[in-house]
C-alpha atoms as a PDB file:
ATOM      1  CA  MET A   1     -14.000  54.232 -43.959  1.00  0.00           C
ATOM      2  CA  ARG A   2     -13.641  51.229 -45.067  1.00  0.00           C
ATOM      3  CA  THR A   3      -9.956  48.879 -45.376  1.00  0.00           C
ATOM      4  CA  LEU A   4      -8.165  48.711 -49.014  1.00  0.00           C
ATOM      5  CA  ILE A   5      -6.909  46.031 -49.824  1.00  0.00           C
ATOM      6  CA  VAL A   6      -4.835  45.137 -52.812  1.00  0.00           C
ATOM      7  CA  SER A   7      -3.562  42.247 -54.418  1.00  0.00           C
ATOM      8  CA  LEU A   8      -0.972  40.765 -56.241  1.00  0.00           C
ATOM      9  CA  LEU A   9       0.094  37.743 -57.636  1.00  0.00           C
ATOM     10  CA  VAL A  10       4.076  38.175 -58.626  1.00  0.00           C
ATOM     11  CA  LEU A  11       6.353  36.368 -60.763  1.00  0.00           C
ATOM     12  CA  ALA A  12       8.499  33.456 -58.740  1.00  0.00           C
ATOM     13  CA  VAL A  13      11.653  32.172 -60.756  1.00  0.00           C
ATOM     14  CA  PRO A  14      13.490  29.401 -60.269  1.00  0.00           C
ATOM     15  CA  SER A  15      15.853  29.126 -57.006  1.00  0.00           C
ATOM     16  CA  GLY A  16      19.222  31.608 -57.509  1.00  0.00           C
ATOM     17  CA  ALA A  17      17.647  33.543 -60.068  1.00  0.00           C
ATOM     18  CA  ALA A  18      16.913  37.370 -59.582  1.00  0.00           C
ATOM     19  CA  PHE A  19      13.218  38.185 -59.869  1.00  0.00           C
ATOM     20  CA  ALA A  20      12.329  40.060 -63.046  1.00  0.00           C
ATOM     21  CA  SER A  21      13.385  43.761 -61.658  1.00  0.00           C
ATOM     22  CA  GLU A  22       9.283  44.521 -62.218  1.00  0.00           C
ATOM     23  CA  SER A  23       7.500  42.643 -60.704  1.00  0.00           C
ATOM     24  CA  ALA A  24       9.816  43.054 -57.302  1.00  0.00           C
ATOM     25  CA  GLU A  25       9.339  46.413 -57.987  1.00  0.00           C
ATOM     26  CA  ASP A  26       5.638  46.720 -58.848  1.00  0.00           C
ATOM     27  CA  VAL A  27       4.582  44.821 -55.303  1.00  0.00           C
ATOM     28  CA  ILE A  28       7.641  47.420 -53.059  1.00  0.00           C
ATOM     29  CA  THR A  29       5.808  50.551 -54.964  1.00  0.00           C
ATOM     30  CA  ALA A  30       2.296  49.230 -54.534  1.00  0.00           C
ATOM     31  CA  ALA A  31       3.223  47.948 -50.585  1.00  0.00           C
ATOM     32  CA  ARG A  32       4.990  51.712 -50.101  1.00  0.00           C
ATOM     33  CA  GLY A  33       2.119  53.515 -47.584  1.00  0.00           C
ATOM     34  CA  ALA A  34       0.490  50.550 -46.584  1.00  0.00           C
ATOM     35  CA  ASP A  35      -0.284  49.456 -42.974  1.00  0.00           C
ATOM     36  CA  ILE A  36      -0.644  46.138 -42.795  1.00  0.00           C
ATOM     37  CA  VAL A  37       1.511  43.475 -45.856  1.00  0.00           C
ATOM     38  CA  ILE A  38       0.737  40.403 -45.833  1.00  0.00           C
ATOM     39  CA  LEU A  39       2.839  38.807 -47.739  1.00  0.00           C
ATOM     40  CA  GLY A  40       2.187  34.798 -49.029  1.00  0.00           C
ATOM     41  CA  GLU A  41       3.897  32.188 -50.252  1.00  0.00           C
ATOM     42  CA  SER A  42       3.816  28.144 -50.520  1.00  0.00           C
ATOM     43  CA  HIS A  43       6.149  27.503 -47.317  1.00  0.00           C
ATOM     44  CA  ASP A  44       8.228  24.923 -49.212  1.00  0.00           C
ATOM     45  CA  ASN A  45       9.735  27.730 -52.562  1.00  0.00           C
ATOM     46  CA  PRO A  46      12.241  28.944 -51.647  1.00  0.00           C
ATOM     47  CA  ASP A  47      12.264  31.823 -54.099  1.00  0.00           C
ATOM     48  CA  HIS A  48       8.835  32.572 -52.438  1.00  0.00           C
ATOM     49  CA  HIS A  49      11.112  33.089 -50.159  1.00  0.00           C
ATOM     50  CA  ALA A  50      13.243  35.737 -51.707  1.00  0.00           C
ATOM     51  CA  LEU A  51      10.601  37.674 -53.123  1.00  0.00           C
ATOM     52  CA  GLN A  52       9.254  37.999 -48.715  1.00  0.00           C
ATOM     53  CA  ALA A  53      12.902  39.216 -47.924  1.00  0.00           C
ATOM     54  CA  GLN A  54      13.001  41.356 -50.715  1.00  0.00           C
ATOM     55  CA  VAL A  55       9.534  43.475 -49.883  1.00  0.00           C
ATOM     56  CA  THR A  56      10.738  43.105 -46.618  1.00  0.00           C
ATOM     57  CA  GLN A  57      14.020  44.771 -47.256  1.00  0.00           C
ATOM     58  CA  ALA A  58      12.296  47.569 -48.977  1.00  0.00           C
ATOM     59  CA  LEU A  59       9.728  48.708 -46.228  1.00  0.00           C
ATOM     60  CA  SER A  60      12.267  48.430 -43.148  1.00  0.00           C
ATOM     61  CA  PRO A  61       8.958  46.854 -41.756  1.00  0.00           C
ATOM     62  CA  LYS A  62       8.318  47.654 -37.451  1.00  0.00           C
ATOM     63  CA  SER A  63       7.155  44.837 -36.996  1.00  0.00           C
ATOM     64  CA  ILE A  64       7.152  40.990 -38.652  1.00  0.00           C
ATOM     65  CA  VAL A  65       4.696  38.971 -37.788  1.00  0.00           C
ATOM     66  CA  PHE A  66       5.957  35.069 -39.309  1.00  0.00           C
ATOM     67  CA  GLU A  67       3.106  31.979 -38.866  1.00  0.00           C
ATOM     68  CA  MET A  68       5.542  29.683 -38.177  1.00  0.00           C
ATOM     69  CA  LEU A  69       6.468  30.862 -34.718  1.00  0.00           C
ATOM     70  CA  GLU A  70       4.367  30.862 -31.018  1.00  0.00           C
ATOM     71  CA  TRP A  71       5.734  33.100 -29.062  1.00  0.00           C
ATOM     72  CA  ARG A  72       7.579  30.481 -26.656  1.00  0.00           C
ATOM     73  CA  HIS A  73       9.942  30.904 -30.003  1.00  0.00           C
ATOM     74  CA  VAL A  74      10.140  34.339 -30.316  1.00  0.00           C
ATOM     75  CA  ARG A  75      11.447  34.519 -27.077  1.00  0.00           C
ATOM     76  CA  ALA A  76      13.761  32.197 -27.416  1.00  0.00           C
ATOM     77  CA  LEU A  77      14.949  34.351 -30.153  1.00  0.00           C
ATOM     78  CA  GLN A  78      15.863  37.417 -28.078  1.00  0.00           C
ATOM     79  CA  SER A  79      18.967  36.010 -26.861  1.00  0.00           C
ATOM     80  CA  VAL A  80      20.105  34.918 -30.036  1.00  0.00           C
ATOM     81  CA  ALA A  81      21.943  37.607 -32.995  1.00  0.00           C
ATOM     82  CA  ARG A  82      19.852  37.438 -36.570  1.00  0.00           C
ATOM     83  CA  ASP A  83      23.166  36.842 -38.661  1.00  0.00           C
ATOM     84  CA  ASP A  84      23.287  33.122 -37.147  1.00  0.00           C
ATOM     85  CA  ILE A  85      21.592  31.039 -38.144  1.00  0.00           C
ATOM     86  CA  ASP A  86      21.961  27.741 -36.853  1.00  0.00           C
ATOM     87  CA  ALA A  87      20.888  29.806 -34.001  1.00  0.00           C
ATOM     88  CA  MET A  88      17.458  30.708 -35.151  1.00  0.00           C
ATOM     89  CA  GLN A  89      17.101  27.863 -36.172  1.00  0.00           C
ATOM     90  CA  SER A  90      17.197  25.317 -33.325  1.00  0.00           C
ATOM     91  CA  ALA A  91      15.844  28.219 -30.821  1.00  0.00           C
ATOM     92  CA  THR A  92      13.119  28.527 -33.651  1.00  0.00           C
ATOM     93  CA  ALA A  93      12.946  24.556 -33.255  1.00  0.00           C
ATOM     94  CA  TRP A  94      11.999  25.361 -37.161  1.00  0.00           C
ATOM     95  CA  GLU A  95      12.384  22.096 -39.502  1.00  0.00           C
ATOM     96  CA  ALA A  96      11.773  20.010 -36.281  1.00  0.00           C
ATOM     97  CA  ARG A  97       8.349  21.411 -35.924  1.00  0.00           C
ATOM     98  CA  GLY A  98       8.082  19.856 -39.770  1.00  0.00           C
ATOM     99  CA  TRP A  99       8.455  23.750 -41.516  1.00  0.00           C
ATOM    100  CA  PRO A 100      10.834  23.317 -45.043  1.00  0.00           C
ATOM    101  CA  ASP A 101      14.612  24.872 -44.724  1.00  0.00           C
ATOM    102  CA  PHE A 102      14.762  27.483 -43.143  1.00  0.00           C
ATOM    103  CA  ALA A 103      17.553  28.401 -44.333  1.00  0.00           C
ATOM    104  CA  SER A 104      15.732  29.855 -46.772  1.00  0.00           C
ATOM    105  CA  TYR A 105      13.314  32.124 -44.133  1.00  0.00           C
ATOM    106  CA  ALA A 106      16.731  33.425 -42.480  1.00  0.00           C
ATOM    107  CA  PRO A 107      16.571  35.929 -44.836  1.00  0.00           C
ATOM    108  CA  ILE A 108      13.430  36.929 -43.872  1.00  0.00           C
ATOM    109  CA  PHE A 109      14.541  37.561 -40.765  1.00  0.00           C
ATOM    110  CA  GLN A 110      18.172  39.130 -41.431  1.00  0.00           C
ATOM    111  CA  ALA A 111      16.178  41.573 -43.984  1.00  0.00           C
ATOM    112  CA  ALA A 112      14.523  43.845 -41.231  1.00  0.00           C
ATOM    113  CA  PRO A 113      17.054  43.370 -38.352  1.00  0.00           C
ATOM    114  CA  ASP A 114      15.565  46.292 -36.434  1.00  0.00           C
ATOM    115  CA  ALA A 115      12.262  44.687 -36.536  1.00  0.00           C
ATOM    116  CA  VAL A 116      10.379  43.113 -33.748  1.00  0.00           C
ATOM    117  CA  ILE A 117       8.857  40.157 -34.870  1.00  0.00           C
ATOM    118  CA  TYR A 118       5.116  38.489 -33.700  1.00  0.00           C
ATOM    119  CA  ALA A 119       4.236  35.507 -33.638  1.00  0.00           C
ATOM    120  CA  GLY A 120       1.449  34.040 -35.732  1.00  0.00           C
ATOM    121  CA  GLN A 121       0.790  30.623 -35.592  1.00  0.00           C
ATOM    122  CA  LEU A 122      -1.962  28.783 -33.151  1.00  0.00           C
ATOM    123  CA  ASN A 123      -1.220  27.258 -30.293  1.00  0.00           C
ATOM    124  CA  GLY A 124      -2.145  23.357 -28.947  1.00  0.00           C
ATOM    125  CA  ARG A 125      -3.522  24.968 -26.073  1.00  0.00           C
ATOM    126  CA  THR A 126      -5.574  26.820 -27.692  1.00  0.00           C
ATOM    127  CA  ALA A 127      -7.044  24.884 -30.806  1.00  0.00           C
ATOM    128  CA  ALA A 128      -7.867  22.413 -27.738  1.00  0.00           C
ATOM    129  CA  THR A 129      -9.731  24.753 -26.908  1.00  0.00           C
ATOM    130  CA  LEU A 130     -11.659  25.339 -29.332  1.00  0.00           C
ATOM    131  CA  VAL A 131     -12.423  21.787 -30.549  1.00  0.00           C
ATOM    132  CA  GLN A 132     -14.092  21.137 -26.696  1.00  0.00           C
ATOM    133  CA  ASN A 133     -16.041  25.169 -27.036  1.00  0.00           C
ATOM    134  CA  GLY A 134     -15.578  26.104 -30.507  1.00  0.00           C
ATOM    135  CA  LEU A 135     -14.608  29.224 -32.040  1.00  0.00           C
ATOM    136  CA  HIS A 136     -16.294  31.985 -29.663  1.00  0.00           C
ATOM    137  CA  ALA A 137     -14.481  30.477 -26.875  1.00  0.00           C
ATOM    138  CA  VAL A 138     -11.842  31.351 -28.014  1.00  0.00           C
ATOM    139  CA  LEU A 139     -11.235  34.572 -30.674  1.00  0.00           C
ATOM    140  CA  PRO A 140     -10.041  37.125 -29.096  1.00  0.00           C
ATOM    141  CA  LYS A 141     -11.986  39.822 -28.118  1.00  0.00           C
ATOM    142  CA  PRO A 142     -12.456  42.467 -31.224  1.00  0.00           C
ATOM    143  CA  LEU A 143     -12.477  39.474 -33.649  1.00  0.00           C
ATOM    144  CA  MET A 144     -15.095  38.124 -31.520  1.00  0.00           C
ATOM    145  CA  THR A 145     -17.198  41.557 -31.548  1.00  0.00           C
ATOM    146  CA  ALA A 146     -16.574  42.522 -34.628  1.00  0.00           C
ATOM    147  CA  GLY A 147     -19.091  38.900 -35.231  1.00  0.00           C
ATOM    148  CA  LEU A 148     -15.813  37.071 -36.847  1.00  0.00           C
ATOM    149  CA  ALA A 149     -17.503  33.975 -34.901  1.00  0.00           C
ATOM    150  CA  ALA A 150     -20.349  33.861 -36.265  1.00  0.00           C
ATOM    151  CA  PRO A 151     -21.597  30.561 -38.914  1.00  0.00           C
ATOM    152  CA  LEU A 152     -19.746  31.328 -42.672  1.00  0.00           C
ATOM    153  CA  PRO A 153     -21.621  31.951 -45.963  1.00  0.00           C
ATOM    154  CA  THR A 154     -23.471  28.275 -46.114  1.00  0.00           C
ATOM    155  CA  THR A 155     -21.453  27.786 -50.102  1.00  0.00           C
ATOM    156  CA  GLN A 156     -18.148  29.824 -48.290  1.00  0.00           C
ATOM    157  CA  GLN A 157     -18.049  26.997 -45.859  1.00  0.00           C
ATOM    158  CA  HIS A 158     -18.961  24.083 -47.917  1.00  0.00           C
ATOM    159  CA  ALA A 159     -16.087  24.912 -50.260  1.00  0.00           C
ATOM    160  CA  ARG A 160     -13.328  25.092 -47.522  1.00  0.00           C
ATOM    161  CA  GLU A 161     -14.928  21.144 -45.738  1.00  0.00           C
ATOM    162  CA  ASP A 162     -14.069  20.682 -49.720  1.00  0.00           C
ATOM    163  CA  MET A 163     -10.380  22.447 -49.380  1.00  0.00           C
ATOM    164  CA  GLN A 164     -10.025  20.837 -45.315  1.00  0.00           C
ATOM    165  CA  PHE A 165     -10.481  17.036 -47.186  1.00  0.00           C
ATOM    166  CA  ALA A 166      -8.572  18.262 -50.431  1.00  0.00           C
ATOM    167  CA  ALA A 167      -5.587  19.131 -48.618  1.00  0.00           C
ATOM    168  CA  HIS A 168      -5.920  15.614 -45.965  1.00  0.00           C
ATOM    169  CA  CYS A 169      -6.009  13.510 -49.001  1.00  0.00           C
ATOM    170  CA  ASP A 170      -9.301  12.936 -49.197  1.00  0.00           C
ATOM    171  CA  ALA A 171      -8.511  10.678 -45.526  1.00  0.00           C
ATOM    172  CA  LEU A 172     -10.366  13.018 -43.008  1.00  0.00           C
ATOM    173  CA  PRO A 173     -13.689  11.926 -42.315  1.00  0.00           C
ATOM    174  CA  ARG A 174     -16.682  14.252 -43.348  1.00  0.00           C
ATOM    175  CA  GLU A 175     -18.509  14.991 -39.941  1.00  0.00           C
ATOM    176  CA  MET A 176     -14.200  16.351 -38.566  1.00  0.00           C
ATOM    177  CA  LEU A 177     -13.990  18.782 -41.538  1.00  0.00           C
ATOM    178  CA  PRO A 178     -16.511  21.365 -40.171  1.00  0.00           C
ATOM    179  CA  MET A 179     -13.886  21.366 -37.233  1.00  0.00           C
ATOM    180  CA  MET A 180     -10.988  22.270 -39.270  1.00  0.00           C
ATOM    181  CA  VAL A 181     -12.511  25.026 -40.567  1.00  0.00           C
ATOM    182  CA  ASP A 182     -12.869  27.177 -37.501  1.00  0.00           C
ATOM    183  CA  ILE A 183      -9.075  25.259 -37.841  1.00  0.00           C
ATOM    184  CA  GLN A 184      -8.520  27.424 -40.241  1.00  0.00           C
ATOM    185  CA  ARG A 185     -10.494  30.194 -39.339  1.00  0.00           C
ATOM    186  CA  LEU A 186      -8.898  30.466 -35.935  1.00  0.00           C
ATOM    187  CA  ARG A 187      -5.296  30.543 -37.285  1.00  0.00           C
ATOM    188  CA  ASP A 188      -6.291  33.470 -39.799  1.00  0.00           C
ATOM    189  CA  ALA A 189      -7.632  35.271 -36.153  1.00  0.00           C
ATOM    190  CA  THR A 190      -3.997  34.227 -34.921  1.00  0.00           C
ATOM    191  CA  LEU A 191      -2.467  36.268 -37.676  1.00  0.00           C
ATOM    192  CA  THR A 192      -4.590  39.232 -37.757  1.00  0.00           C
ATOM    193  CA  PHE A 193      -4.219  39.775 -33.802  1.00  0.00           C
ATOM    194  CA  ALA A 194      -0.896  39.205 -33.690  1.00  0.00           C
ATOM    195  CA  ALA A 195      -0.932  41.767 -37.111  1.00  0.00           C
ATOM    196  CA  LEU A 196      -3.147  44.113 -35.043  1.00  0.00           C
ATOM    197  CA  LYS A 197      -1.267  44.473 -31.909  1.00  0.00           C
ATOM    198  CA  ALA A 198       1.864  44.919 -33.949  1.00  0.00           C
ATOM    199  CA  PHE A 199       0.295  47.989 -35.580  1.00  0.00           C
ATOM    200  CA  GLU A 200      -1.120  49.338 -32.005  1.00  0.00           C
ATOM    201  CA  LYS A 201       2.065  49.240 -30.529  1.00  0.00           C
ATOM    202  CA  HIS A 202       5.092  50.095 -33.398  1.00  0.00           C
ATOM    203  CA  GLY A 203       2.978  51.317 -36.629  1.00  0.00           C
ATOM    204  CA  GLY A 204       3.391  50.817 -39.269  1.00  0.00           C
ATOM    205  CA  PRO A 205       4.340  49.024 -41.536  1.00  0.00           C
ATOM    206  CA  VAL A 206       3.565  45.484 -40.247  1.00  0.00           C
ATOM    207  CA  VAL A 207       4.746  41.988 -43.143  1.00  0.00           C
ATOM    208  CA  VAL A 208       2.703  38.855 -42.438  1.00  0.00           C
ATOM    209  CA  ILE A 209       4.102  35.889 -43.749  1.00  0.00           C
ATOM    210  CA  ALA A 210       2.288  33.035 -43.967  1.00  0.00           C
ATOM    211  CA  GLY A 211       0.425  31.423 -46.616  1.00  0.00           C
ATOM    212  CA  ASN A 212      -1.504  31.761 -49.441  1.00  0.00           C
ATOM    213  CA  GLY A 213      -4.291  30.084 -47.931  1.00  0.00           C
ATOM    214  CA  HIS A 214      -3.754  32.530 -44.859  1.00  0.00           C
ATOM    215  CA  ALA A 215      -3.356  35.961 -46.946  1.00  0.00           C
ATOM    216  CA  ARG A 216      -6.638  35.876 -49.603  1.00  0.00           C
ATOM    217  CA  PRO A 217      -7.873  38.368 -50.195  1.00  0.00           C
ATOM    218  CA  ASP A 218     -11.300  37.290 -49.744  1.00  0.00           C
ATOM    219  CA  TRP A 219     -12.058  35.519 -46.031  1.00  0.00           C
ATOM    220  CA  GLY A 220      -8.287  35.023 -45.398  1.00  0.00           C
ATOM    221  CA  VAL A 221      -6.583  37.099 -42.977  1.00  0.00           C
ATOM    222  CA  PRO A 222      -7.065  41.075 -45.129  1.00  0.00           C
ATOM    223  CA  ALA A 223     -10.289  40.269 -44.686  1.00  0.00           C
ATOM    224  CA  MET A 224     -11.174  39.970 -41.148  1.00  0.00           C
ATOM    225  CA  LEU A 225      -8.508  42.298 -40.541  1.00  0.00           C
ATOM    226  CA  SER A 226     -11.105  45.011 -42.776  1.00  0.00           C
ATOM    227  CA  ALA A 227     -13.903  43.458 -39.909  1.00  0.00           C
ATOM    228  CA  VAL A 228     -12.783  44.600 -37.083  1.00  0.00           C
ATOM    229  CA  ALA A 229     -10.278  47.683 -38.400  1.00  0.00           C
ATOM    230  CA  PRO A 230     -11.414  49.066 -41.316  1.00  0.00           C
ATOM    231  CA  ASP A 231      -9.321  52.151 -40.943  1.00  0.00           C
ATOM    232  CA  LEU A 232      -5.988  50.401 -42.167  1.00  0.00           C
ATOM    233  CA  LEU A 233      -4.753  50.260 -45.238  1.00  0.00           C
ATOM    234  CA  VAL A 234      -3.707  46.255 -45.824  1.00  0.00           C
ATOM    235  CA  LEU A 235      -1.367  44.538 -48.650  1.00  0.00           C
ATOM    236  CA  ALA A 236      -2.079  40.981 -50.403  1.00  0.00           C
ATOM    237  CA  VAL A 237      -0.094  40.025 -51.634  1.00  0.00           C
ATOM    238  CA  GLY A 238      -0.039  35.877 -53.617  1.00  0.00           C
ATOM    239  CA  GLN A 239       2.615  33.949 -55.527  1.00  0.00           C
ATOM    240  CA  GLY A 240       1.787  31.193 -57.863  1.00  0.00           C
ATOM    241  CA  GLU A 241       2.985  28.861 -59.612  1.00  0.00           C
ATOM    242  CA  GLU A 242       3.570  26.942 -62.571  1.00  0.00           C
ATOM    243  CA  GLY A 243       0.665  29.611 -64.236  1.00  0.00           C
ATOM    244  CA  GLN A 244      -1.747  28.314 -61.526  1.00  0.00           C
ATOM    245  CA  MET A 245      -3.043  31.854 -59.231  1.00  0.00           C
ATOM    246  CA  PRO A 246      -3.709  31.312 -55.501  1.00  0.00           C
ATOM    247  CA  GLU A 247      -8.025  31.466 -54.979  1.00  0.00           C
ATOM    248  CA  GLY A 248      -9.346  34.203 -52.763  1.00  0.00           C
ATOM    249  CA  GLY A 249      -9.410  37.214 -55.342  1.00  0.00           C
ATOM    250  CA  PHE A 250      -5.396  37.471 -56.355  1.00  0.00           C
ATOM    251  CA  SER A 251      -5.674  39.885 -59.195  1.00  0.00           C
ATOM    252  CA  THR A 252      -2.659  38.437 -61.755  1.00  0.00           C
ATOM    253  CA  THR A 253      -1.720  35.839 -63.262  1.00  0.00           C
ATOM    254  CA  SER A 254       1.962  34.777 -64.110  1.00  0.00           C
ATOM    255  CA  ASN A 255       3.855  31.601 -64.876  1.00  0.00           C
ATOM    256  CA  ALA A 256       6.290  30.524 -62.364  1.00  0.00           C
ATOM    257  CA  PRO A 257       8.175  27.389 -61.815  1.00  0.00           C
ATOM    258  CA  ALA A 258       7.397  25.488 -58.687  1.00  0.00           C
ATOM    259  CA  PRO A 259      10.260  23.587 -56.504  1.00  0.00           C
ATOM    260  CA  GLU A 260      10.662  19.661 -57.105  1.00  0.00           C
ATOM    261  CA  ARG A 261       7.604  17.663 -54.426  1.00  0.00           C
ATOM    262  CA  THR A 262       7.191  13.726 -53.897  1.00  0.00           C
ATOM    263  CA  ASP A 263       2.972  12.535 -53.228  1.00  0.00           C
ATOM    264  CA  PRO A 264       2.312  13.503 -50.156  1.00  0.00           C
ATOM    265  CA  CYS A 265      -0.547  10.946 -50.300  1.00  0.00           C
ATOM    266  CA  ALA A 266       0.901   8.560 -52.271  1.00  0.00           C
ATOM    267  CA  ALA A 267       0.271   6.703 -49.018  1.00  0.00           C
ATOM    268  CA  PHE A 268      -3.180   6.708 -49.438  1.00  0.00           C
ATOM    269  CA  LYS A 269      -3.602   4.949 -52.031  1.00  0.00           C
END
């Protein structure tokens, strides 16, 4: 029996406005009964976080995995009340580490106050080991056993290198791109392993909060879960903007406004 991966793209709306009830309810209805629900996002879109909070509240997950947290942040949160936004932000050094406004993420933490928080962020020590010794040296054993350290198909490898080049403003030396792809694979693996451990310890549902790139069904966390735990029911939710659907096999396109952004590559032009 293979992992069933359901993918949806949901509609975002302007900040402060309510989500169209049918969009939120479609996601919630699809997610009910899933073991692991991966809620994608554009990190700086507060409306994406609002929907994540709405779905999380409806599902009452046993645990939540956050891409943005290392275990040191999870430990710091254990002595902080979830209704104390300032204390949570301080405990996690959230914005100091470059993540967008914590106030837009806080409702996700508060949506399931009894859920156990899990860390899904790759730490620097593990990344350094990968750089020195390769992906096979750092993948958790269950993922190694499932063959997830094997070389990628050539077409996918090239596509992922091109994406890394574009994501870094076409400024990286091309010879660095294979390592950047391996680091992205390790980020996916870190989230995958955290979700598996959360499910094994607490049962489902597990909610995973992560960027759309990690949530993509074709080669992100859902694909890794399919390889390592084929009996799990996994729901992958992507969120788009301005009619653009995130890549990776999400099924439905919806027009969604994007927040105002400065050009991150302006310094390279």
